[in-house]
Amino acid sequence: MPARILAFAGSLRTDSTNKKLVRVAAEAARAAGAEVTVIDLRDFATPIYDGDLETKDGLPPAARKLKDLFLKNNALLISSPEYNSSISGALKNAIDWVSRPVEGTPPLAEFTGKVVGLLAASPGALGGLRGLVHVRSILGNMGAIVMPDQFALSKAHEAFGPDGALKDAKQAAAVTKVAEAVARTAAKLEGAR
């Protein structure tokens, strides 16, 4: 059975290099046989997580839709921007809402046992690497299987051609390696269940 991968960037900006990077990874995962759904977190706008709001109204509809997408897929490809050496508020807020319990679903089922591939893009020299440490820690603590290989794209504002592809073949190969590992591992785990 092929991997079912949910792919998205932790950025809301329309011309985000992380959105471009995750699309490159999604195509590589599709080429490796995975079924990939690419989403934009902007389409799942939710308020900042607030326990009082959750108690009063439950999950916002957009958060519930996002949670259902996480539950439907057995793997994630995430391209995370680095904001002040950490992850974006948009990504953290999405994780916080998606992780909230709902009746009939085991705790953290959206993350537990899911295979995750991490990417980052930044104009800086480290390519967002410092932020990936935090994403890896958060998702690992929630029971996700975060793949050891990851890719951080430095000078991302110069890295893409007009067609959205990476200009550098070595960088493209590194992204493909992450995407293929996620697709292969998720498919094997699904077949073993």
Protein backbone atom coordinates (compact mmCIF):
# COMPACT_ATOMS: atom_id res chain seq x y z
CA MET A 1 0.00 0.00 0.00
CA PRO A 2 1.47 3.40 -0.93
CA ALA A 3 2.30 6.02 1.64
CA ARG A 4 -0.31 8.74 2.13
CA ILE A 5 1.60 11.95 2.77
CA LEU A 6 0.30 15.31 3.93
CA ALA A 7 2.74 18.01 2.77
CA PHE A 8 2.79 21.62 3.88
CA ALA A 9 4.96 24.56 4.84
CA GLY A 10 4.91 26.28 8.20
CA SER A 11 4.73 29.66 6.48
CA LEU A 12 1.68 31.69 5.54
CA ARG A 13 3.43 34.03 3.09
CA THR A 14 2.19 33.64 -0.49
CA ASP A 15 5.65 33.57 -2.08
CA SER A 16 7.23 31.53 0.71
CA THR A 17 10.39 29.63 -0.19
CA ASN A 18 9.23 26.94 2.24
CA LYS A 19 6.05 26.49 0.18
CA LYS A 20 8.21 26.14 -2.92
CA LEU A 21 10.48 23.65 -1.19
CA VAL A 22 7.67 21.44 0.08
CA ARG A 23 6.17 21.32 -3.43
CA VAL A 24 9.52 20.04 -4.75
CA ALA A 25 9.52 17.37 -2.03
CA ALA A 26 5.90 16.46 -2.75
CA GLU A 27 6.70 15.84 -6.41
CA ALA A 28 9.64 13.64 -5.43
CA ALA A 29 7.41 11.65 -3.06
CA ARG A 30 4.81 11.20 -5.81
CA ALA A 31 7.54 9.98 -8.14
CA ALA A 32 8.45 7.44 -5.43
CA GLY A 33 4.89 6.10 -5.48
CA ALA A 34 3.28 8.00 -2.62
CA GLU A 35 -0.14 9.62 -2.62
CA VAL A 36 0.54 13.22 -1.64
CA THR A 37 -1.85 15.94 -0.53
CA VAL A 38 -0.29 19.41 -0.52
CA ILE A 39 -2.05 22.01 1.61
CA ASP A 40 -1.51 25.65 2.54
CA LEU A 41 -1.89 26.45 6.25
CA ARG A 42 -3.39 29.78 5.20
CA ASP A 43 -6.49 27.79 4.14
CA PHE A 44 -6.85 26.51 7.73
CA ALA A 45 -6.83 29.82 9.59
CA THR A 46 -7.49 29.36 13.30
CA PRO A 47 -7.20 31.62 16.31
CA ILE A 48 -4.17 31.27 18.58
CA TYR A 49 -4.77 28.16 20.68
CA ASP A 50 -6.73 29.07 23.82
CA GLY A 51 -8.01 26.43 26.23
CA ASP A 52 -10.94 28.63 27.24
CA LEU A 53 -11.99 28.99 23.61
CA GLU A 54 -11.70 25.22 23.13
CA THR A 55 -13.81 24.56 26.25
CA LYS A 56 -16.46 27.04 25.12
CA ASP A 57 -16.69 26.20 21.40
CA GLY A 58 -14.65 23.04 20.79
CA LEU A 59 -12.26 22.83 17.86
CA PRO A 60 -12.70 25.58 15.26
CA PRO A 61 -13.99 24.10 11.98
CA ALA A 62 -10.69 24.79 10.19
CA ALA A 63 -8.75 23.04 12.95
CA ARG A 64 -11.07 20.03 12.73
CA LYS A 65 -10.57 19.83 8.94
CA LEU A 66 -6.80 19.97 9.43
CA LYS A 67 -6.96 17.34 12.18
CA ASP A 68 -8.94 15.04 9.86
CA LEU A 69 -6.27 15.44 7.16
CA PHE A 70 -3.57 14.48 9.66
CA LEU A 71 -5.59 11.42 10.69
CA LYS A 72 -6.20 10.37 7.06
CA ASN A 73 -2.50 10.36 6.17
CA ASN A 74 0.26 8.15 7.56
CA ALA A 75 3.16 10.52 6.85
CA LEU A 76 4.04 14.20 6.82
CA LEU A 77 6.42 16.34 4.79
CA ILE A 78 6.94 19.67 6.54
CA SER A 79 9.03 22.60 5.37
CA SER A 80 9.49 24.86 8.35
CA PRO A 81 10.66 28.44 8.24
CA GLU A 82 12.96 29.59 11.01
CA TYR A 83 11.65 32.53 13.00
CA ASN A 84 14.14 33.83 15.57
CA SER A 85 15.95 30.48 15.76
CA SER A 86 12.71 28.53 16.28
CA ILE A 87 9.54 27.54 14.40
CA SER A 88 6.84 29.84 13.09
CA GLY A 89 3.81 30.68 15.17
CA ALA A 90 1.59 29.40 12.35
CA LEU A 91 3.19 25.94 12.46
CA LYS A 92 3.14 25.72 16.24
CA ASN A 93 -0.49 26.87 16.37
CA ALA A 94 -1.50 24.27 13.77
CA ILE A 95 0.24 21.54 15.78
CA ASP A 96 -1.40 22.73 18.99
CA TRP A 97 -4.93 22.68 17.56
CA VAL A 98 -4.46 19.38 15.69
CA SER A 99 -3.18 17.70 18.85
CA ARG A 100 -6.32 18.45 20.86
CA PRO A 101 -8.33 15.37 21.85
CA VAL A 102 -11.68 14.55 20.32
CA GLU A 103 -14.05 11.78 21.27
CA GLY A 104 -13.46 8.49 19.47
CA THR A 105 -9.83 9.21 18.58
CA PRO A 106 -6.85 8.00 20.64
CA PRO A 107 -4.71 10.78 22.13
CA LEU A 108 -2.19 12.20 19.64
CA ALA A 109 -3.30 9.78 16.90
CA GLU A 110 -2.56 12.59 14.42
CA PHE A 111 1.15 12.21 15.20
CA THR A 112 1.81 8.84 16.84
CA GLY A 113 3.55 6.49 14.43
CA LYS A 114 3.44 8.98 11.54
CA VAL A 115 6.60 9.14 9.46
CA VAL A 116 7.84 12.72 9.14
CA GLY A 117 10.34 14.29 6.75
CA LEU A 118 11.67 17.71 7.67
CA LEU A 119 12.83 20.49 5.38
CA ALA A 120 13.58 24.16 5.86
CA ALA A 121 14.34 27.12 3.63
CA SER A 122 15.88 30.40 4.70
CA PRO A 123 17.84 33.26 3.16
CA GLY A 124 20.44 32.71 5.89
CA ALA A 125 23.57 30.59 5.76
CA LEU A 126 22.14 27.76 7.90
CA GLY A 127 18.97 27.39 5.85
CA GLY A 128 16.63 27.21 8.84
CA LEU A 129 18.51 24.38 10.53
CA ARG A 130 18.09 25.78 14.06
CA GLY A 131 14.30 25.76 13.74
CA LEU A 132 14.28 22.12 12.65
CA VAL A 133 15.76 21.11 16.00
CA HIS A 134 12.58 22.40 17.64
CA VAL A 135 10.22 20.80 15.12
CA ARG A 136 12.01 17.46 15.53
CA SER A 137 11.74 17.69 19.32
CA ILE A 138 8.04 18.61 19.33
CA LEU A 139 6.97 15.91 16.88
CA GLY A 140 9.23 13.25 18.39
CA ASN A 141 7.74 13.91 21.82
CA MET A 142 4.28 13.41 20.29
CA GLY A 143 5.20 9.96 19.03
CA ALA A 144 6.02 10.75 15.41
CA ILE A 145 8.81 8.88 13.63
CA VAL A 146 10.95 11.78 12.46
CA MET A 147 13.35 10.61 9.78
CA PRO A 148 17.03 11.20 10.59
CA ASP A 149 17.80 12.77 7.21
CA GLN A 150 16.54 16.31 6.73
CA PHE A 151 17.35 19.18 4.39
CA ALA A 152 17.94 22.86 5.10
CA LEU A 153 18.16 25.17 2.08
CA SER A 154 20.38 28.20 2.59
CA LYS A 155 20.13 31.32 0.40
CA ALA A 156 16.66 30.07 -0.49
CA HIS A 157 15.69 33.34 -2.16
CA GLU A 158 18.24 32.51 -4.90
CA ALA A 159 17.64 28.74 -5.12
CA PHE A 160 14.55 28.37 -7.29
CA GLY A 161 14.11 28.78 -11.02
CA PRO A 162 11.05 30.41 -12.60
CA ASP A 163 9.41 26.97 -12.86
CA GLY A 164 9.67 26.44 -9.08
CA ALA A 165 12.37 23.78 -9.38
CA LEU A 166 15.64 23.95 -7.50
CA LYS A 167 18.46 25.22 -9.69
CA ASP A 168 21.14 23.12 -7.98
CA ALA A 169 21.09 19.39 -8.77
CA LYS A 170 22.74 18.43 -5.45
CA GLN A 171 20.09 20.31 -3.50
CA ALA A 172 17.32 18.69 -5.55
CA ALA A 173 18.87 15.27 -4.88
CA ALA A 174 18.96 15.97 -1.13
CA VAL A 175 15.26 16.90 -1.13
CA THR A 176 14.46 13.78 -3.14
CA LYS A 177 16.37 11.66 -0.62
CA VAL A 178 14.21 12.96 2.24
CA ALA A 179 10.97 12.55 0.28
CA GLU A 180 11.82 9.04 -0.90
CA ALA A 181 12.76 7.95 2.64
CA VAL A 182 9.41 9.17 3.95
CA ALA A 183 7.48 7.47 1.13
CA ARG A 184 9.38 4.19 1.47
CA THR A 185 9.27 4.02 5.28
CA ALA A 186 5.59 4.95 5.54
CA ALA A 187 4.65 2.38 2.90
CA LYS A 188 6.58 -0.35 4.74
CA LEU A 189 5.02 0.51 8.07
CA GLU A 190 1.55 0.60 6.54
CA GLY A 191 2.14 -2.81 4.98
CA ALA A 192 3.23 -4.22 8.34
CA ARG A 193 0.06 -3.05 10.13
